[in-house]
Amino acid sequence: MIEKLNFDEKGLIPAIIQDYKTNKVLTLCYMNKEALSKTLEEGKVYVFRRSKKKIMLKGETSGYTQAVKEIFVDCADNSVLFKVEQRSAACHEGYFTCYFRRADKNGNYEIIEKRVFDPKDVYKG
């Protein structure tokens, strides 16, 4: 599968992470070939953290990992979608989804989800 995909000039491919029960989009992240390979091998989502320039297990710090249930590839082979079973919450801010804010046409945000956990309790130090 990896050989068929079109990674960008930085060696990355966008990966949409979606809850397999609710179909809610949880997050958009990036994978390089190594992160994708580890994801396929282990059945848990690994991502390439662009800010840290390293591969990490999604939920490595919080313990709220994502078990892969299904994998989809778009028609141009340049993005992937993973349907996952999410443990607790996907967002580092404590929400089930990273898309917990709705924006209006004026650019104002409204929080539309409830927090699942307090980040201060999970990310200590």
C-alpha atoms as a PDB file:
ATOM      1  CA  MET A   1       0.000   0.000   0.000  1.00  0.00           C
ATOM      2  CA  ILE A   2       2.720   2.505   0.961  1.00  0.00           C
ATOM      3  CA  GLU A   3       4.407   2.249  -2.465  1.00  0.00           C
ATOM      4  CA  LYS A   4       1.173   3.316  -4.189  1.00  0.00           C
ATOM      5  CA  LEU A   5       0.785   6.528  -2.177  1.00  0.00           C
ATOM      6  CA  ASN A   6       1.886   9.991  -3.290  1.00  0.00           C
ATOM      7  CA  PHE A   7       3.786  11.638  -0.437  1.00  0.00           C
ATOM      8  CA  ASP A   8       4.529  15.371  -0.741  1.00  0.00           C
ATOM      9  CA  GLU A   9       7.971  16.930  -1.293  1.00  0.00           C
ATOM     10  CA  LYS A  10       8.636  16.708   2.473  1.00  0.00           C
ATOM     11  CA  GLY A  11       7.817  13.004   2.481  1.00  0.00           C
ATOM     12  CA  LEU A  12       4.472  13.485   4.226  1.00  0.00           C
ATOM     13  CA  ILE A  13       0.881  12.521   3.535  1.00  0.00           C
ATOM     14  CA  PRO A  14      -2.230  13.964   5.253  1.00  0.00           C
ATOM     15  CA  ALA A  15      -4.092  11.466   7.407  1.00  0.00           C
ATOM     16  CA  ILE A  16      -7.669  12.078   8.475  1.00  0.00           C
ATOM     17  CA  ILE A  17      -8.560  10.289  11.700  1.00  0.00           C
ATOM     18  CA  GLN A  18     -12.266   9.499  12.101  1.00  0.00           C
ATOM     19  CA  ASP A  19     -14.194   7.728  14.848  1.00  0.00           C
ATOM     20  CA  TYR A  20     -15.504   4.465  13.417  1.00  0.00           C
ATOM     21  CA  LYS A  21     -18.690   4.474  15.543  1.00  0.00           C
ATOM     22  CA  THR A  22     -19.825   8.101  15.208  1.00  0.00           C
ATOM     23  CA  ASN A  23     -18.013   9.067  11.969  1.00  0.00           C
ATOM     24  CA  LYS A  24     -16.856  12.268  13.698  1.00  0.00           C
ATOM     25  CA  VAL A  25     -13.600  13.572  12.303  1.00  0.00           C
ATOM     26  CA  LEU A  26     -11.185  13.503  15.231  1.00  0.00           C
ATOM     27  CA  THR A  27      -8.135  15.177  13.750  1.00  0.00           C
ATOM     28  CA  LEU A  28      -6.004  15.760  10.674  1.00  0.00           C
ATOM     29  CA  CYS A  29      -2.379  14.784  11.063  1.00  0.00           C
ATOM     30  CA  TYR A  30       0.571  13.914   8.859  1.00  0.00           C
ATOM     31  CA  MET A  31       2.445  10.676   8.388  1.00  0.00           C
ATOM     32  CA  ASN A  32       5.726   9.866   6.762  1.00  0.00           C
ATOM     33  CA  LYS A  33       6.436   6.389   5.404  1.00  0.00           C
ATOM     34  CA  GLU A  34       7.812   5.174   8.729  1.00  0.00           C
ATOM     35  CA  ALA A  35       4.782   6.394  10.723  1.00  0.00           C
ATOM     36  CA  LEU A  36       2.426   4.813   8.202  1.00  0.00           C
ATOM     37  CA  SER A  37       4.379   1.570   8.267  1.00  0.00           C
ATOM     38  CA  LYS A  38       4.266   1.417  12.083  1.00  0.00           C
ATOM     39  CA  THR A  39       0.529   2.177  11.988  1.00  0.00           C
ATOM     40  CA  LEU A  40      -0.085  -0.677   9.562  1.00  0.00           C
ATOM     41  CA  GLU A  41       2.122  -3.088  11.529  1.00  0.00           C
ATOM     42  CA  GLU A  42       0.822  -2.318  15.020  1.00  0.00           C
ATOM     43  CA  GLY A  43      -2.782  -1.313  14.335  1.00  0.00           C
ATOM     44  CA  LYS A  44      -2.399   1.918  16.329  1.00  0.00           C
ATOM     45  CA  VAL A  45      -2.075   5.385  14.812  1.00  0.00           C
ATOM     46  CA  TYR A  46       1.447   6.810  14.609  1.00  0.00           C
ATOM     47  CA  VAL A  47       1.966  10.351  13.344  1.00  0.00           C
ATOM     48  CA  PHE A  48       4.871  12.508  12.252  1.00  0.00           C
ATOM     49  CA  ARG A  49       4.944  15.557  14.525  1.00  0.00           C
ATOM     50  CA  ARG A  50       6.158  18.335  12.267  1.00  0.00           C
ATOM     51  CA  SER A  51       6.907  20.653  15.208  1.00  0.00           C
ATOM     52  CA  LYS A  52       9.072  18.017  16.920  1.00  0.00           C
ATOM     53  CA  LYS A  53      10.292  16.401  13.702  1.00  0.00           C
ATOM     54  CA  LYS A  54       9.692  12.921  15.050  1.00  0.00           C
ATOM     55  CA  ILE A  55       7.286  10.003  14.922  1.00  0.00           C
ATOM     56  CA  MET A  56       4.963   9.543  17.884  1.00  0.00           C
ATOM     57  CA  LEU A  57       2.202   7.169  18.817  1.00  0.00           C
ATOM     58  CA  LYS A  58      -1.020   9.216  18.814  1.00  0.00           C
ATOM     59  CA  GLY A  59      -1.971   9.393  22.474  1.00  0.00           C
ATOM     60  CA  GLU A  60       1.532   8.464  23.641  1.00  0.00           C
ATOM     61  CA  THR A  61       1.587  11.116  26.371  1.00  0.00           C
ATOM     62  CA  SER A  62      -2.061  10.922  27.466  1.00  0.00           C
ATOM     63  CA  GLY A  63      -2.504   7.185  27.024  1.00  0.00           C
ATOM     64  CA  TYR A  64      -5.569   7.817  24.837  1.00  0.00           C
ATOM     65  CA  THR A  65      -4.510   5.821  21.801  1.00  0.00           C
ATOM     66  CA  GLN A  66      -6.364   5.054  18.581  1.00  0.00           C
ATOM     67  CA  ALA A  67      -6.937   1.469  17.400  1.00  0.00           C
ATOM     68  CA  VAL A  68      -7.225   1.255  13.609  1.00  0.00           C
ATOM     69  CA  LYS A  69     -10.446  -0.375  12.379  1.00  0.00           C
ATOM     70  CA  GLU A  70     -10.490   0.573   8.668  1.00  0.00           C
ATOM     71  CA  ILE A  71      -8.234   2.356   6.185  1.00  0.00           C
ATOM     72  CA  PHE A  72      -9.330   4.334   3.127  1.00  0.00           C
ATOM     73  CA  VAL A  73      -7.219   6.004   0.432  1.00  0.00           C
ATOM     74  CA  ASP A  74      -8.476   8.892  -1.695  1.00  0.00           C
ATOM     75  CA  CYS A  75      -8.781   8.771  -5.496  1.00  0.00           C
ATOM     76  CA  ALA A  76      -5.440  10.551  -6.093  1.00  0.00           C
ATOM     77  CA  ASP A  77      -3.510   8.400  -3.609  1.00  0.00           C
ATOM     78  CA  ASN A  78      -2.407  11.558  -1.779  1.00  0.00           C
ATOM     79  CA  SER A  79      -4.307  11.272   1.513  1.00  0.00           C
ATOM     80  CA  VAL A  80      -5.459   8.508   3.815  1.00  0.00           C
ATOM     81  CA  LEU A  81      -8.374   8.157   6.194  1.00  0.00           C
ATOM     82  CA  PHE A  82      -8.273   5.948   9.254  1.00  0.00           C
ATOM     83  CA  LYS A  83     -11.427   4.891  11.054  1.00  0.00           C
ATOM     84  CA  VAL A  84     -10.385   4.251  14.631  1.00  0.00           C
ATOM     85  CA  GLU A  85     -11.606   3.248  18.035  1.00  0.00           C
ATOM     86  CA  GLN A  86     -10.657   6.225  20.188  1.00  0.00           C
ATOM     87  CA  ARG A  87      -9.768   5.758  23.857  1.00  0.00           C
ATOM     88  CA  SER A  88     -11.276   8.717  25.736  1.00  0.00           C
ATOM     89  CA  ALA A  89     -10.403  11.847  23.724  1.00  0.00           C
ATOM     90  CA  ALA A  90      -8.338  12.624  20.619  1.00  0.00           C
ATOM     91  CA  CYS A  91      -7.603  16.293  21.295  1.00  0.00           C
ATOM     92  CA  HIS A  92      -4.752  17.423  23.545  1.00  0.00           C
ATOM     93  CA  GLU A  93      -7.094  20.120  24.862  1.00  0.00           C
ATOM     94  CA  GLY A  94      -9.314  17.433  26.380  1.00  0.00           C
ATOM     95  CA  TYR A  95     -12.080  17.175  23.780  1.00  0.00           C
ATOM     96  CA  PHE A  96     -13.184  14.018  21.969  1.00  0.00           C
ATOM     97  CA  THR A  97     -12.426  15.691  18.631  1.00  0.00           C
ATOM     98  CA  CYS A  98      -9.968  18.428  17.689  1.00  0.00           C
ATOM     99  CA  TYR A  99     -12.896  20.041  15.856  1.00  0.00           C
ATOM    100  CA  PHE A 100     -14.704  21.178  19.000  1.00  0.00           C
ATOM    101  CA  ARG A 101     -15.127  24.803  17.826  1.00  0.00           C
ATOM    102  CA  ARG A 102     -17.609  26.029  15.249  1.00  0.00           C
ATOM    103  CA  ALA A 103     -16.635  29.189  13.350  1.00  0.00           C
ATOM    104  CA  ASP A 104     -19.163  31.718  12.114  1.00  0.00           C
ATOM    105  CA  LYS A 105     -18.749  33.864   8.987  1.00  0.00           C
ATOM    106  CA  ASN A 106     -17.163  36.629  11.096  1.00  0.00           C
ATOM    107  CA  GLY A 107     -14.462  34.313  12.366  1.00  0.00           C
ATOM    108  CA  ASN A 108     -15.856  33.937  15.869  1.00  0.00           C
ATOM    109  CA  TYR A 109     -15.558  30.537  17.537  1.00  0.00           C
ATOM    110  CA  GLU A 110     -18.141  28.732  19.618  1.00  0.00           C
ATOM    111  CA  ILE A 111     -17.203  25.663  21.651  1.00  0.00           C
ATOM    112  CA  ILE A 112     -19.773  23.002  20.757  1.00  0.00           C
ATOM    113  CA  GLU A 113     -18.345  19.951  22.556  1.00  0.00           C
ATOM    114  CA  LYS A 114     -17.901  19.040  26.192  1.00  0.00           C
ATOM    115  CA  ARG A 115     -14.436  18.462  27.576  1.00  0.00           C
ATOM    116  CA  VAL A 116     -13.709  14.787  28.282  1.00  0.00           C
ATOM    117  CA  PHE A 117     -10.652  15.420  30.469  1.00  0.00           C
ATOM    118  CA  ASP A 118      -8.732  18.330  31.953  1.00  0.00           C
ATOM    119  CA  PRO A 119      -5.382  18.676  30.162  1.00  0.00           C
ATOM    120  CA  LYS A 120      -3.729  19.873  33.406  1.00  0.00           C
ATOM    121  CA  ASP A 121      -4.473  16.473  34.957  1.00  0.00           C
ATOM    122  CA  VAL A 122      -3.106  14.533  31.976  1.00  0.00           C
ATOM    123  CA  TYR A 123      -0.109  16.579  30.805  1.00  0.00           C
ATOM    124  CA  LYS A 124       1.820  17.258  33.992  1.00  0.00           C
ATOM    125  CA  GLY A 125       5.262  18.844  33.896  1.00  0.00           C
END
